[in-house]
Protein backbone atom coordinates (compact mmCIF):
# COMPACT_ATOMS: atom_id res chain seq x y z
CA UNK A 1 0.00 0.00 0.00
CA UNK A 2 1.22 3.45 -0.83
CA UNK A 3 2.01 5.99 1.87
CA UNK A 4 -0.36 8.55 0.47
CA UNK A 5 -3.33 6.23 0.63
CA UNK A 6 -3.25 6.69 4.37
CA UNK A 7 -2.54 10.40 4.22
CA UNK A 8 -5.34 11.26 1.82
CA UNK A 9 -7.29 12.96 4.57
CA UNK A 10 -4.35 15.20 5.52
CA UNK A 11 -3.97 16.37 1.95
CA UNK A 12 -7.74 16.79 1.63
CA UNK A 13 -7.60 14.51 -1.39
CA UNK A 14 -10.76 12.80 -0.21
CA UNK A 15 -12.66 15.99 -1.07
CA UNK A 16 -11.17 16.52 -4.51
CA UNK A 17 -13.15 15.17 -7.44
CA UNK A 18 -10.08 13.76 -9.20
CA UNK A 19 -9.21 11.54 -6.23
CA UNK A 20 -12.57 10.53 -4.78
CA UNK A 21 -13.09 7.60 -7.15
CA UNK A 22 -9.60 6.26 -6.45
CA UNK A 23 -9.96 6.56 -2.68
CA UNK A 24 -13.47 5.09 -2.88
CA UNK A 25 -12.07 2.03 -4.68
CA UNK A 26 -9.05 1.69 -2.37
CA UNK A 27 -11.29 1.76 0.67
CA UNK A 28 -12.96 -1.38 -0.61
CA UNK A 29 -9.72 -3.31 -1.14
CA UNK A 30 -8.98 -6.12 1.26
CA UNK A 31 -6.81 -5.07 4.17
CA UNK A 32 -7.01 -1.30 3.67
CA UNK A 33 -9.49 -0.69 6.49
CA UNK A 34 -7.59 -2.89 8.92
CA UNK A 35 -4.23 -1.29 8.07
CA UNK A 36 -5.64 2.22 8.33
CA UNK A 37 -7.14 1.52 11.73
CA UNK A 38 -4.00 -0.23 12.96
CA UNK A 39 -1.48 2.42 11.86
CA UNK A 40 -3.46 5.64 12.18
CA UNK A 41 -3.84 7.35 15.56
CA UNK A 42 -7.54 7.33 16.38
CA UNK A 43 -7.93 4.98 13.44
CA UNK A 44 -11.38 3.57 14.09
CA UNK A 45 -13.06 6.96 14.49
CA UNK A 46 -11.04 8.58 11.72
CA UNK A 47 -11.86 5.70 9.35
CA UNK A 48 -15.54 6.22 10.06
CA UNK A 49 -15.34 9.95 9.35
CA UNK A 50 -13.18 9.49 6.25
CA UNK A 51 -15.29 6.69 4.78
CA UNK A 52 -18.55 8.54 5.37
CA UNK A 53 -17.14 11.67 3.72
CA UNK A 54 -15.73 9.76 0.75
CA UNK A 55 -18.97 7.82 0.26
CA UNK A 56 -21.03 11.02 0.42
CA UNK A 57 -18.72 12.90 -2.00
CA UNK A 58 -18.57 9.93 -4.39
CA UNK A 59 -22.38 9.74 -4.52
CA UNK A 60 -22.56 13.51 -5.14
CA UNK A 61 -20.13 13.20 -8.06
CA UNK A 62 -22.06 10.28 -9.52
CA UNK A 63 -25.29 12.29 -9.34
CA UNK A 64 -23.60 15.33 -10.93
CA UNK A 65 -22.11 13.38 -13.84
CA UNK A 66 -24.63 10.63 -14.38
CA UNK A 67 -27.72 12.55 -13.41
CA UNK A 68 -29.19 10.07 -10.93
C-alpha cells in the first residue's frame, strides 16, 4: 500500500473530485481498512469519518455526472 493512501485525509484529497473515485475504490480493497485503523492514531473513528465523507462525496459526483 502506498504511503499517500493513508494520508489522503491530511492532503484533503478525499474531497477533490479527481481523487474521490480512487480513494473510494481503495477503501474497498482487502486489508485497507484494517491497516488504516491499525497504523493511524484514532484509526477507528477517523476511518468512520473518512469513509462517510468519501462515500457522500462519491455519490454527489455520480449524481452530478450521471444525473441520478
